[in-house]
Amino acid sequence: QVQLVESGGGLVQAGGSLRLSCVASGSIGGISTMGWYRQAPGKQRELVALITVGSSATYGASVKGRFTISRDNAKYTWHLQMNSLKPDDTAVYFCYAQEIQTSRGYWGQGTQVTVST
């Protein structure tokens, strides 16, 4: 089992920045892909960013150029730097990790990000 704990959410004005962090614990040796998804009220969960063990990153179209994902493999920690935030970025952000051998995915409990106008 893998446990994920997010931190760093909060309230920010439009145009501001926030940095989210996620720490993995438990059976973490098989984790390959790490990332973030988000879910706004009344909407489906959507991809924000993913990063592989080789640091290859993928971003959702709506955040490309504004958000940056990074990881510290030694600490099984990854971060999401969010710049130029917009009210549409308001959502619960979920930390995600996937095992390479089983493709099983794990989720954090979510952290609220609210962007005010």
PDB file of N, CA and C in Angstrom:
ATOM      1  N   GLN A   1       0.838  -1.195   0.000  1.00  0.00           N
ATOM      2  CA  GLN A   1       0.000   0.000   0.000  1.00  0.00           C
ATOM      3  C   GLN A   1       0.870   1.241   0.000  1.00  0.00           C
ATOM      4  N   VAL A   2       0.351   2.263  -0.646  1.00  0.00           N
ATOM      5  CA  VAL A   2       1.024   3.552  -0.722  1.00  0.00           C
ATOM      6  C   VAL A   2       0.110   4.611  -0.130  1.00  0.00           C
ATOM      7  N   GLN A   3       0.654   5.449   0.708  1.00  0.00           N
ATOM      8  CA  GLN A   3      -0.105   6.557   1.254  1.00  0.00           C
ATOM      9  C   GLN A   3       0.460   7.864   0.701  1.00  0.00           C
ATOM     10  N   LEU A   4      -0.437   8.758   0.324  1.00  0.00           N
ATOM     11  CA  LEU A   4      -0.053  10.043  -0.240  1.00  0.00           C
ATOM     12  C   LEU A   4      -0.658  11.157   0.606  1.00  0.00           C
ATOM     13  N   VAL A   5       0.150  12.150   0.915  1.00  0.00           N
ATOM     14  CA  VAL A   5      -0.325  13.281   1.707  1.00  0.00           C
ATOM     15  C   VAL A   5       0.044  14.574   0.999  1.00  0.00           C
ATOM     16  N   GLU A   6      -0.986  15.358   0.680  1.00  0.00           N
ATOM     17  CA  GLU A   6      -0.764  16.645   0.012  1.00  0.00           C
ATOM     18  C   GLU A   6      -0.662  17.770   1.037  1.00  0.00           C
ATOM     19  N   SER A   7      -0.047  18.850   0.603  1.00  0.00           N
ATOM     20  CA  SER A   7      -0.014  20.081   1.398  1.00  0.00           C
ATOM     21  C   SER A   7       0.143  21.263   0.452  1.00  0.00           C
ATOM     22  N   GLY A   8      -0.210  22.453   0.952  1.00  0.00           N
ATOM     23  CA  GLY A   8       0.057  23.658   0.192  1.00  0.00           C
ATOM     24  C   GLY A   8      -1.147  24.333  -0.431  1.00  0.00           C
ATOM     25  N   GLY A   9      -2.325  23.763  -0.300  1.00  0.00           N
ATOM     26  CA  GLY A   9      -3.499  24.416  -0.861  1.00  0.00           C
ATOM     27  C   GLY A   9      -3.866  25.656  -0.082  1.00  0.00           C
ATOM     28  N   GLY A  10      -4.861  26.396  -0.592  1.00  0.00           N
ATOM     29  CA  GLY A  10      -5.299  27.588   0.111  1.00  0.00           C
ATOM     30  C   GLY A  10      -6.039  28.541  -0.793  1.00  0.00           C
ATOM     31  N   LEU A  11      -6.167  29.777  -0.317  1.00  0.00           N
ATOM     32  CA  LEU A  11      -6.872  30.833  -1.033  1.00  0.00           C
ATOM     33  C   LEU A  11      -5.862  31.828  -1.579  1.00  0.00           C
ATOM     34  N   VAL A  12      -6.008  32.178  -2.838  1.00  0.00           N
ATOM     35  CA  VAL A  12      -5.099  33.122  -3.475  1.00  0.00           C
ATOM     36  C   VAL A  12      -5.888  33.974  -4.454  1.00  0.00           C
ATOM     37  N   GLN A  13      -5.413  35.193  -4.676  1.00  0.00           N
ATOM     38  CA  GLN A  13      -6.061  36.047  -5.659  1.00  0.00           C
ATOM     39  C   GLN A  13      -5.642  35.666  -7.068  1.00  0.00           C
ATOM     40  N   ALA A  14      -6.491  35.992  -8.021  1.00  0.00           N
ATOM     41  CA  ALA A  14      -6.160  35.742  -9.426  1.00  0.00           C
ATOM     42  C   ALA A  14      -4.833  36.415  -9.769  1.00  0.00           C
ATOM     43  N   GLY A  15      -4.015  35.673 -10.509  1.00  0.00           N
ATOM     44  CA  GLY A  15      -2.695  36.161 -10.863  1.00  0.00           C
ATOM     45  C   GLY A  15      -1.603  35.743  -9.895  1.00  0.00           C
ATOM     46  N   GLY A  16      -2.007  35.203  -8.765  1.00  0.00           N
ATOM     47  CA  GLY A  16      -1.052  34.790  -7.748  1.00  0.00           C
ATOM     48  C   GLY A  16      -0.508  33.397  -7.990  1.00  0.00           C
ATOM     49  N   SER A  17       0.259  32.914  -7.018  1.00  0.00           N
ATOM     50  CA  SER A  17       0.916  31.618  -7.124  1.00  0.00           C
ATOM     51  C   SER A  17       0.700  30.793  -5.868  1.00  0.00           C
ATOM     52  N   LEU A  18       0.735  29.480  -6.052  1.00  0.00           N
ATOM     53  CA  LEU A  18       0.719  28.524  -4.951  1.00  0.00           C
ATOM     54  C   LEU A  18       1.620  27.366  -5.331  1.00  0.00           C
ATOM     55  N   ARG A  19       2.134  26.681  -4.307  1.00  0.00           N
ATOM     56  CA  ARG A  19       2.944  25.494  -4.534  1.00  0.00           C
ATOM     57  C   ARG A  19       2.360  24.351  -3.714  1.00  0.00           C
ATOM     58  N   LEU A  20       1.997  23.289  -4.417  1.00  0.00           N
ATOM     59  CA  LEU A  20       1.496  22.085  -3.768  1.00  0.00           C
ATOM     60  C   LEU A  20       2.627  21.074  -3.648  1.00  0.00           C
ATOM     61  N   SER A  21       2.578  20.289  -2.575  1.00  0.00           N
ATOM     62  CA  SER A  21       3.547  19.222  -2.386  1.00  0.00           C
ATOM     63  C   SER A  21       2.828  17.935  -2.034  1.00  0.00           C
ATOM     64  N   CYS A  22       3.439  16.816  -2.393  1.00  0.00           N
ATOM     65  CA  CYS A  22       2.892  15.510  -2.065  1.00  0.00           C
ATOM     66  C   CYS A  22       4.040  14.621  -1.594  1.00  0.00           C
ATOM     67  N   VAL A  23       3.816  13.922  -0.514  1.00  0.00           N
ATOM     68  CA  VAL A  23       4.803  12.997   0.024  1.00  0.00           C
ATOM     69  C   VAL A  23       4.205  11.600   0.026  1.00  0.00           C
ATOM     70  N   ALA A  24       4.956  10.647  -0.512  1.00  0.00           N
ATOM     71  CA  ALA A  24       4.520   9.255  -0.551  1.00  0.00           C
ATOM     72  C   ALA A  24       5.205   8.464   0.554  1.00  0.00           C
ATOM     73  N   SER A  25       4.466   7.518   1.135  1.00  0.00           N
ATOM     74  CA  SER A  25       5.036   6.625   2.139  1.00  0.00           C
ATOM     75  C   SER A  25       4.421   5.247   1.974  1.00  0.00           C
ATOM     76  N   GLY A  26       5.003   4.270   2.665  1.00  0.00           N
ATOM     77  CA  GLY A  26       4.523   2.898   2.540  1.00  0.00           C
ATOM     78  C   GLY A  26       5.365   2.131   1.541  1.00  0.00           C
ATOM     79  N   SER A  27       4.711   1.331   0.707  1.00  0.00           N
ATOM     80  CA  SER A  27       5.410   0.505  -0.292  1.00  0.00           C
ATOM     81  C   SER A  27       5.708   1.334  -1.545  1.00  0.00           C
ATOM     82  N   ILE A  28       6.694   2.213  -1.433  1.00  0.00           N
ATOM     83  CA  ILE A  28       6.922   3.216  -2.460  1.00  0.00           C
ATOM     84  C   ILE A  28       7.944   2.800  -3.505  1.00  0.00           C
ATOM     85  N   GLY A  29       8.562   1.633  -3.324  1.00  0.00           N
ATOM     86  CA  GLY A  29       9.635   1.249  -4.231  1.00  0.00           C
ATOM     87  C   GLY A  29       9.208   1.068  -5.674  1.00  0.00           C
ATOM     88  N   GLY A  30       7.935   0.745  -5.911  1.00  0.00           N
ATOM     89  CA  GLY A  30       7.486   0.496  -7.263  1.00  0.00           C
ATOM     90  C   GLY A  30       6.847   1.682  -7.961  1.00  0.00           C
ATOM     91  N   ILE A  31       6.849   2.825  -7.310  1.00  0.00           N
ATOM     92  CA  ILE A  31       6.223   4.009  -7.910  1.00  0.00           C
ATOM     93  C   ILE A  31       7.049   4.512  -9.078  1.00  0.00           C
ATOM     94  N   SER A  32       6.374   4.769 -10.192  1.00  0.00           N
ATOM     95  CA  SER A  32       7.055   5.313 -11.364  1.00  0.00           C
ATOM     96  C   SER A  32       6.503   6.685 -11.698  1.00  0.00           C
ATOM     97  N   THR A  33       5.244   6.756 -12.032  1.00  0.00           N
ATOM     98  CA  THR A  33       4.637   8.026 -12.417  1.00  0.00           C
ATOM     99  C   THR A  33       3.993   8.699 -11.210  1.00  0.00           C
ATOM    100  N   MET A  34       4.205  10.001 -11.109  1.00  0.00           N
ATOM    101  CA  MET A  34       3.611  10.807 -10.037  1.00  0.00           C
ATOM    102  C   MET A  34       2.919  11.997 -10.679  1.00  0.00           C
ATOM    103  N   GLY A  35       1.940  12.545  -9.987  1.00  0.00           N
ATOM    104  CA  GLY A  35       1.302  13.687 -10.596  1.00  0.00           C
ATOM    105  C   GLY A  35       0.180  14.286  -9.793  1.00  0.00           C
ATOM    106  N   TRP A  36      -0.616  15.089 -10.505  1.00  0.00           N
ATOM    107  CA  TRP A  36      -1.727  15.816  -9.911  1.00  0.00           C
ATOM    108  C   TRP A  36      -2.935  15.796 -10.841  1.00  0.00           C
ATOM    109  N   TYR A  37      -4.094  15.631 -10.245  1.00  0.00           N
ATOM    110  CA  TYR A  37      -5.373  15.803 -10.912  1.00  0.00           C
ATOM    111  C   TYR A  37      -6.167  16.817 -10.100  1.00  0.00           C
ATOM    112  N   ARG A  38      -7.229  17.326 -10.693  1.00  0.00           N
ATOM    113  CA  ARG A  38      -8.089  18.234  -9.950  1.00  0.00           C
ATOM    114  C   ARG A  38      -9.552  17.996 -10.315  1.00  0.00           C
ATOM    115  N   GLN A  39     -10.425  18.390  -9.399  1.00  0.00           N
ATOM    116  CA  GLN A  39     -11.852  18.249  -9.635  1.00  0.00           C
ATOM    117  C   GLN A  39     -12.577  19.462  -9.085  1.00  0.00           C
ATOM    118  N   ALA A  40     -13.235  20.173  -9.987  1.00  0.00           N
ATOM    119  CA  ALA A  40     -14.033  21.329  -9.609  1.00  0.00           C
ATOM    120  C   ALA A  40     -15.475  20.868  -9.355  1.00  0.00           C
ATOM    121  N   PRO A  41     -16.248  21.640  -8.595  1.00  0.00           N
ATOM    122  CA  PRO A  41     -17.627  21.254  -8.308  1.00  0.00           C
ATOM    123  C   PRO A  41     -18.433  21.029  -9.584  1.00  0.00           C
ATOM    124  N   GLY A  42     -19.111  19.912  -9.665  1.00  0.00           N
ATOM    125  CA  GLY A  42     -19.941  19.606 -10.811  1.00  0.00           C
ATOM    126  C   GLY A  42     -19.190  19.169 -12.053  1.00  0.00           C
ATOM    127  N   LYS A  43     -17.880  18.994 -11.948  1.00  0.00           N
ATOM    128  CA  LYS A  43     -17.071  18.606 -13.101  1.00  0.00           C
ATOM    129  C   LYS A  43     -16.341  17.294 -12.826  1.00  0.00           C
ATOM    130  N   GLN A  44     -15.884  16.665 -13.910  1.00  0.00           N
ATOM    131  CA  GLN A  44     -15.115  15.436 -13.769  1.00  0.00           C
ATOM    132  C   GLN A  44     -13.689  15.755 -13.355  1.00  0.00           C
ATOM    133  N   ARG A  45     -13.064  14.760 -12.741  1.00  0.00           N
ATOM    134  CA  ARG A  45     -11.659  14.906 -12.385  1.00  0.00           C
ATOM    135  C   ARG A  45     -10.836  14.983 -13.662  1.00  0.00           C
ATOM    136  N   GLU A  46      -9.872  15.907 -13.693  1.00  0.00           N
ATOM    137  CA  GLU A  46      -9.078  16.094 -14.902  1.00  0.00           C
ATOM    138  C   GLU A  46      -7.599  16.116 -14.582  1.00  0.00           C
ATOM    139  N   LEU A  47      -6.818  15.753 -15.576  1.00  0.00           N
ATOM    140  CA  LEU A  47      -5.368  15.751 -15.443  1.00  0.00           C
ATOM    141  C   LEU A  47      -4.841  17.174 -15.315  1.00  0.00           C
ATOM    142  N   VAL A  48      -3.947  17.369 -14.362  1.00  0.00           N
ATOM    143  CA  VAL A  48      -3.222  18.632 -14.266  1.00  0.00           C
ATOM    144  C   VAL A  48      -1.804  18.420 -14.796  1.00  0.00           C
ATOM    145  N   ALA A  49      -1.082  17.480 -14.198  1.00  0.00           N
ATOM    146  CA  ALA A  49       0.287  17.225 -14.629  1.00  0.00           C
ATOM    147  C   ALA A  49       0.737  15.861 -14.139  1.00  0.00           C
ATOM    148  N   LEU A  50       1.575  15.203 -14.939  1.00  0.00           N
ATOM    149  CA  LEU A  50       2.202  13.947 -14.576  1.00  0.00           C
ATOM    150  C   LEU A  50       3.690  14.050 -14.855  1.00  0.00           C
ATOM    151  N   ILE A  51       4.480  13.317 -14.073  1.00  0.00           N
ATOM    152  CA  ILE A  51       5.918  13.273 -14.307  1.00  0.00           C
ATOM    153  C   ILE A  51       6.407  11.857 -14.070  1.00  0.00           C
ATOM    154  N   THR A  52       7.255  11.363 -14.980  1.00  0.00           N
ATOM    155  CA  THR A  52       7.774  10.008 -14.874  1.00  0.00           C
ATOM    156  C   THR A  52       9.059   9.987 -14.055  1.00  0.00           C
ATOM    157  N   VAL A  53       9.527   8.774 -13.787  1.00  0.00           N
ATOM    158  CA  VAL A  53      10.760   8.630 -13.023  1.00  0.00           C
ATOM    159  C   VAL A  53      11.934   9.256 -13.763  1.00  0.00           C
ATOM    160  N   GLY A  54      11.820   9.343 -15.082  1.00  0.00           N
ATOM    161  CA  GLY A  54      12.862  10.000 -15.853  1.00  0.00           C
ATOM    162  C   GLY A  54      12.635  11.486 -16.025  1.00  0.00           C
ATOM    163  N   SER A  55      11.652  12.035 -15.283  1.00  0.00           N
ATOM    164  CA  SER A  55      11.328  13.464 -15.279  1.00  0.00           C
ATOM    165  C   SER A  55      10.719  13.957 -16.585  1.00  0.00           C
ATOM    166  N   SER A  56      10.100  13.076 -17.337  1.00  0.00           N
ATOM    167  CA  SER A  56       9.334  13.504 -18.500  1.00  0.00           C
ATOM    168  C   SER A  56       7.953  13.937 -18.012  1.00  0.00           C
ATOM    169  N   ALA A  57       7.558  15.180 -18.355  1.00  0.00           N
ATOM    170  CA  ALA A  57       6.325  15.753 -17.822  1.00  0.00           C
ATOM    171  C   ALA A  57       5.251  15.905 -18.894  1.00  0.00           C
ATOM    172  N   THR A  58       4.014  15.740 -18.465  1.00  0.00           N
ATOM    173  CA  THR A  58       2.838  15.950 -19.299  1.00  0.00           C
ATOM    174  C   THR A  58       1.907  16.886 -18.556  1.00  0.00           C
ATOM    175  N   TYR A  59       1.308  17.845 -19.274  1.00  0.00           N
ATOM    176  CA  TYR A  59       0.427  18.815 -18.649  1.00  0.00           C
ATOM    177  C   TYR A  59      -0.943  18.832 -19.325  1.00  0.00           C
ATOM    178  N   GLY A  60      -1.958  19.147 -18.527  1.00  0.00           N
ATOM    179  CA  GLY A  60      -3.265  19.393 -19.096  1.00  0.00           C
ATOM    180  C   GLY A  60      -3.224  20.679 -19.908  1.00  0.00           C
ATOM    181  N   ALA A  61      -4.062  20.751 -20.926  1.00  0.00           N
ATOM    182  CA  ALA A  61      -4.022  21.891 -21.844  1.00  0.00           C
ATOM    183  C   ALA A  61      -4.287  23.212 -21.130  1.00  0.00           C
ATOM    184  N   SER A  62      -5.142  23.186 -20.135  1.00  0.00           N
ATOM    185  CA  SER A  62      -5.540  24.434 -19.498  1.00  0.00           C
ATOM    186  C   SER A  62      -4.473  25.005 -18.554  1.00  0.00           C
ATOM    187  N   VAL A  63      -3.467  24.213 -18.209  1.00  0.00           N
ATOM    188  CA  VAL A  63      -2.450  24.689 -17.273  1.00  0.00           C
ATOM    189  C   VAL A  63      -1.067  24.803 -17.908  1.00  0.00           C
ATOM    190  N   LYS A  64      -0.935  24.324 -19.122  1.00  0.00           N
ATOM    191  CA  LYS A  64       0.371  24.336 -19.784  1.00  0.00           C
ATOM    192  C   LYS A  64       0.910  25.755 -19.875  1.00  0.00           C
ATOM    193  N   GLY A  65       2.170  25.912 -19.483  1.00  0.00           N
ATOM    194  CA  GLY A  65       2.793  27.226 -19.519  1.00  0.00           C
ATOM    195  C   GLY A  65       2.642  28.006 -18.225  1.00  0.00           C
ATOM    196  N   ARG A  66       1.747  27.558 -17.344  1.00  0.00           N
ATOM    197  CA  ARG A  66       1.534  28.249 -16.068  1.00  0.00           C
ATOM    198  C   ARG A  66       1.939  27.390 -14.871  1.00  0.00           C
ATOM    199  N   PHE A  67       1.779  26.086 -15.010  1.00  0.00           N
ATOM    200  CA  PHE A  67       2.092  25.170 -13.913  1.00  0.00           C
ATOM    201  C   PHE A  67       3.349  24.373 -14.265  1.00  0.00           C
ATOM    202  N   THR A  68       4.113  24.027 -13.229  1.00  0.00           N
ATOM    203  CA  THR A  68       5.307  23.214 -13.416  1.00  0.00           C
ATOM    204  C   THR A  68       5.345  22.122 -12.357  1.00  0.00           C
ATOM    205  N   ILE A  69       5.533  20.882 -12.806  1.00  0.00           N
ATOM    206  CA  ILE A  69       5.644  19.763 -11.884  1.00  0.00           C
ATOM    207  C   ILE A  69       7.104  19.369 -11.755  1.00  0.00           C
ATOM    208  N   SER A  70       7.495  19.003 -10.540  1.00  0.00           N
ATOM    209  CA  SER A  70       8.860  18.545 -10.301  1.00  0.00           C
ATOM    210  C   SER A  70       8.819  17.429  -9.264  1.00  0.00           C
ATOM    211  N   ARG A  71       9.912  16.662  -9.191  1.00  0.00           N
ATOM    212  CA  ARG A  71       9.944  15.560  -8.245  1.00  0.00           C
ATOM    213  C   ARG A  71      11.322  15.384  -7.655  1.00  0.00           C
ATOM    214  N   ASP A  72      11.338  14.859  -6.442  1.00  0.00           N
ATOM    215  CA  ASP A  72      12.573  14.505  -5.755  1.00  0.00           C
ATOM    216  C   ASP A  72      12.504  13.005  -5.530  1.00  0.00           C
ATOM    217  N   ASN A  73      13.148  12.244  -6.414  1.00  0.00           N
ATOM    218  CA  ASN A  73      13.034  10.796  -6.358  1.00  0.00           C
ATOM    219  C   ASN A  73      13.542  10.222  -5.042  1.00  0.00           C
ATOM    220  N   ALA A  74      14.586  10.818  -4.514  1.00  0.00           N
ATOM    221  CA  ALA A  74      15.184  10.294  -3.285  1.00  0.00           C
ATOM    222  C   ALA A  74      14.215  10.397  -2.111  1.00  0.00           C
ATOM    223  N   LYS A  75      13.358  11.400  -2.136  1.00  0.00           N
ATOM    224  CA  LYS A  75      12.438  11.631  -1.022  1.00  0.00           C
ATOM    225  C   LYS A  75      11.009  11.227  -1.362  1.00  0.00           C
ATOM    226  N   TYR A  76      10.788  10.702  -2.576  1.00  0.00           N
ATOM    227  CA  TYR A  76       9.431  10.365  -3.022  1.00  0.00           C
ATOM    228  C   TYR A  76       8.475  11.518  -2.721  1.00  0.00           C
ATOM    229  N   THR A  77       8.903  12.660  -3.128  1.00  0.00           N
ATOM    230  CA  THR A  77       8.135  13.887  -2.972  1.00  0.00           C
ATOM    231  C   THR A  77       8.027  14.569  -4.324  1.00  0.00           C
ATOM    232  N   TRP A  78       6.885  15.143  -4.617  1.00  0.00           N
ATOM    233  CA  TRP A  78       6.757  15.915  -5.833  1.00  0.00           C
ATOM    234  C   TRP A  78       5.939  17.166  -5.558  1.00  0.00           C
ATOM    235  N   HIS A  79       6.114  18.130  -6.462  1.00  0.00           N
ATOM    236  CA  HIS A  79       5.561  19.454  -6.242  1.00  0.00           C
ATOM    237  C   HIS A  79       4.858  19.945  -7.495  1.00  0.00           C
ATOM    238  N   LEU A  80       3.917  20.855  -7.286  1.00  0.00           N
ATOM    239  CA  LEU A  80       3.246  21.516  -8.394  1.00  0.00           C
ATOM    240  C   LEU A  80       3.322  23.015  -8.139  1.00  0.00           C
ATOM    241  N   GLN A  81       4.127  23.700  -8.927  1.00  0.00           N
ATOM    242  CA  GLN A  81       4.211  25.151  -8.841  1.00  0.00           C
ATOM    243  C   GLN A  81       3.160  25.735  -9.770  1.00  0.00           C
ATOM    244  N   MET A  82       2.242  26.494  -9.193  1.00  0.00           N
ATOM    245  CA  MET A  82       1.133  27.053  -9.961  1.00  0.00           C
ATOM    246  C   MET A  82       1.268  28.567  -9.996  1.00  0.00           C
ATOM    247  N   ASN A  83       1.477  29.092 -11.183  1.00  0.00           N
ATOM    248  CA  ASN A  83       1.617  30.539 -11.373  1.00  0.00           C
ATOM    249  C   ASN A  83       0.470  31.069 -12.213  1.00  0.00           C
ATOM    250  N   SER A  84       0.288  32.375 -12.173  1.00  0.00           N
ATOM    251  CA  SER A  84      -0.752  33.033 -12.959  1.00  0.00           C
ATOM    252  C   SER A  84      -2.099  32.349 -12.766  1.00  0.00           C
ATOM    253  N   LEU A  85      -2.440  32.113 -11.536  1.00  0.00           N
ATOM    254  CA  LEU A  85      -3.672  31.384 -11.237  1.00  0.00           C
ATOM    255  C   LEU A  85      -4.907  32.166 -11.654  1.00  0.00           C
ATOM    256  N   LYS A  86      -5.899  31.409 -12.104  1.00  0.00           N
ATOM    257  CA  LYS A  86      -7.166  31.971 -12.561  1.00  0.00           C
ATOM    258  C   LYS A  86      -8.307  31.407 -11.711  1.00  0.00           C
ATOM    259  N   PRO A  87      -9.433  32.099 -11.658  1.00  0.00           N
ATOM    260  CA  PRO A  87     -10.581  31.551 -10.923  1.00  0.00           C
ATOM    261  C   PRO A  87     -10.976  30.152 -11.408  1.00  0.00           C
ATOM    262  N   ASP A  88     -10.777  29.876 -12.701  1.00  0.00           N
ATOM    263  CA  ASP A  88     -11.101  28.547 -13.233  1.00  0.00           C
ATOM    264  C   ASP A  88     -10.196  27.453 -12.693  1.00  0.00           C
ATOM    265  N   ASP A  89      -9.107  27.821 -12.043  1.00  0.00           N
ATOM    266  CA  ASP A  89      -8.229  26.827 -11.426  1.00  0.00           C
ATOM    267  C   ASP A  89      -8.755  26.367 -10.071  1.00  0.00           C
ATOM    268  N   THR A  90      -9.813  26.985  -9.589  1.00  0.00           N
ATOM    269  CA  THR A  90     -10.406  26.598  -8.314  1.00  0.00           C
ATOM    270  C   THR A  90     -10.907  25.164  -8.377  1.00  0.00           C
ATOM    271  N   ALA A  91     -10.411  24.331  -7.464  1.00  0.00           N
ATOM    272  CA  ALA A  91     -10.758  22.910  -7.465  1.00  0.00           C
ATOM    273  C   ALA A  91     -10.105  22.243  -6.260  1.00  0.00           C
ATOM    274  N   VAL A  92     -10.480  20.999  -6.041  1.00  0.00           N
ATOM    275  CA  VAL A  92      -9.736  20.149  -5.120  1.00  0.00           C
ATOM    276  C   VAL A  92      -8.652  19.459  -5.939  1.00  0.00           C
ATOM    277  N   TYR A  93      -7.432  19.584  -5.492  1.00  0.00           N
ATOM    278  CA  TYR A  93      -6.291  19.006  -6.193  1.00  0.00           C
ATOM    279  C   TYR A  93      -5.873  17.718  -5.488  1.00  0.00           C
ATOM    280  N   PHE A  94      -5.754  16.659  -6.293  1.00  0.00           N
ATOM    281  CA  PHE A  94      -5.434  15.342  -5.768  1.00  0.00           C
ATOM    282  C   PHE A  94      -4.053  14.908  -6.234  1.00  0.00           C
ATOM    283  N   CYS A  95      -3.275  14.463  -5.299  1.00  0.00           N
ATOM    284  CA  CYS A  95      -1.986  13.863  -5.565  1.00  0.00           C
ATOM    285  C   CYS A  95      -2.214  12.445  -6.087  1.00  0.00           C
ATOM    286  N   TYR A  96      -1.362  12.010  -7.029  1.00  0.00           N
ATOM    287  CA  TYR A  96      -1.545  10.704  -7.659  1.00  0.00           C
ATOM    288  C   TYR A  96      -0.196  10.027  -7.850  1.00  0.00           C
ATOM    289  N   ALA A  97      -0.180   8.716  -7.671  1.00  0.00           N
ATOM    290  CA  ALA A  97       1.025   7.933  -7.936  1.00  0.00           C
ATOM    291  C   ALA A  97       0.630   6.598  -8.554  1.00  0.00           C
ATOM    292  N   GLN A  98       1.464   6.101  -9.442  1.00  0.00           N
ATOM    293  CA  GLN A  98       1.186   4.834 -10.124  1.00  0.00           C
ATOM    294  C   GLN A  98       2.379   3.900 -10.025  1.00  0.00           C
ATOM    295  N   GLU A  99       2.079   2.629  -9.734  1.00  0.00           N
ATOM    296  CA  GLU A  99       3.127   1.620  -9.682  1.00  0.00           C
ATOM    297  C   GLU A  99       3.470   1.149 -11.091  1.00  0.00           C
ATOM    298  N   ILE A 100       4.747   0.930 -11.344  1.00  0.00           N
ATOM    299  CA  ILE A 100       5.173   0.552 -12.690  1.00  0.00           C
ATOM    300  C   ILE A 100       4.806  -0.883 -13.011  1.00  0.00           C
ATOM    301  N   GLN A 101       4.860  -1.790 -12.049  1.00  0.00           N
ATOM    302  CA  GLN A 101       4.626  -3.198 -12.343  1.00  0.00           C
ATOM    303  C   GLN A 101       3.155  -3.547 -12.457  1.00  0.00           C
ATOM    304  N   THR A 102       2.327  -2.980 -11.611  1.00  0.00           N
ATOM    305  CA  THR A 102       0.908  -3.334 -11.575  1.00  0.00           C
ATOM    306  C   THR A 102       0.016  -2.309 -12.247  1.00  0.00           C
ATOM    307  N   SER A 103       0.551  -1.118 -12.502  1.00  0.00           N
ATOM    308  CA  SER A 103      -0.222   0.022 -13.011  1.00  0.00           C
ATOM    309  C   SER A 103      -1.306   0.467 -12.037  1.00  0.00           C
ATOM    310  N   ARG A 104      -1.226   0.015 -10.815  1.00  0.00           N
ATOM    311  CA  ARG A 104      -2.200   0.436  -9.818  1.00  0.00           C
ATOM    312  C   ARG A 104      -1.969   1.890  -9.455  1.00  0.00           C
ATOM    313  N   GLY A 105      -3.053   2.638  -9.319  1.00  0.00           N
ATOM    314  CA  GLY A 105      -2.966   4.039  -8.973  1.00  0.00           C
ATOM    315  C   GLY A 105      -3.382   4.304  -7.542  1.00  0.00           C
ATOM    316  N   TYR A 106      -2.759   5.295  -6.943  1.00  0.00           N
ATOM    317  CA  TYR A 106      -3.069   5.703  -5.584  1.00  0.00           C
ATOM    318  C   TYR A 106      -3.390   7.196  -5.561  1.00  0.00           C
ATOM    319  N   TRP A 107      -4.282   7.568  -4.637  1.00  0.00           N
ATOM    320  CA  TRP A 107      -4.717   8.954  -4.559  1.00  0.00           C
ATOM    321  C   TRP A 107      -4.507   9.506  -3.153  1.00  0.00           C
ATOM    322  N   GLY A 108      -4.203  10.786  -3.095  1.00  0.00           N
ATOM    323  CA  GLY A 108      -4.207  11.489  -1.826  1.00  0.00           C
ATOM    324  C   GLY A 108      -5.618  11.920  -1.473  1.00  0.00           C
ATOM    325  N   GLN A 109      -5.753  12.570  -0.336  1.00  0.00           N
ATOM    326  CA  GLN A 109      -7.090  12.942   0.143  1.00  0.00           C
ATOM    327  C   GLN A 109      -7.597  14.217  -0.489  1.00  0.00           C
ATOM    328  N   GLY A 110      -6.726  14.950  -1.142  1.00  0.00           N
ATOM    329  CA  GLY A 110      -7.121  16.179  -1.818  1.00  0.00           C
ATOM    330  C   GLY A 110      -6.855  17.419  -0.978  1.00  0.00           C
ATOM    331  N   THR A 111      -6.524  18.499  -1.655  1.00  0.00           N
ATOM    332  CA  THR A 111      -6.324  19.787  -0.995  1.00  0.00           C
ATOM    333  C   THR A 111      -7.030  20.869  -1.811  1.00  0.00           C
ATOM    334  N   GLN A 112      -7.729  21.731  -1.124  1.00  0.00           N
ATOM    335  CA  GLN A 112      -8.537  22.750  -1.798  1.00  0.00           C
ATOM    336  C   GLN A 112      -7.670  23.913  -2.245  1.00  0.00           C
ATOM    337  N   VAL A 113      -7.854  24.307  -3.496  1.00  0.00           N
ATOM    338  CA  VAL A 113      -7.254  25.528  -4.041  1.00  0.00           C
ATOM    339  C   VAL A 113      -8.386  26.425  -4.503  1.00  0.00           C
ATOM    340  N   THR A 114      -8.425  27.635  -3.967  1.00  0.00           N
ATOM    341  CA  THR A 114      -9.460  28.589  -4.330  1.00  0.00           C
ATOM    342  C   THR A 114      -8.804  29.858  -4.834  1.00  0.00           C
ATOM    343  N   VAL A 115      -9.183  30.262  -6.037  1.00  0.00           N
ATOM    344  CA  VAL A 115      -8.631  31.464  -6.654  1.00  0.00           C
ATOM    345  C   VAL A 115      -9.748  32.494  -6.746  1.00  0.00           C
ATOM    346  N   SER A 116      -9.568  33.612  -6.086  1.00  0.00           N
ATOM    347  CA  SER A 116     -10.591  34.651  -6.066  1.00  0.00           C
ATOM    348  C   SER A 116     -10.320  35.710  -7.127  1.00  0.00           C
ATOM    349  N   THR A 117     -11.381  36.392  -7.527  1.00  0.00           N
ATOM    350  CA  THR A 117     -11.235  37.449  -8.537  1.00  0.00           C
ATOM    351  C   THR A 117     -10.793  38.754  -7.896  1.00  0.00           C
TER     352      THR A 117
END
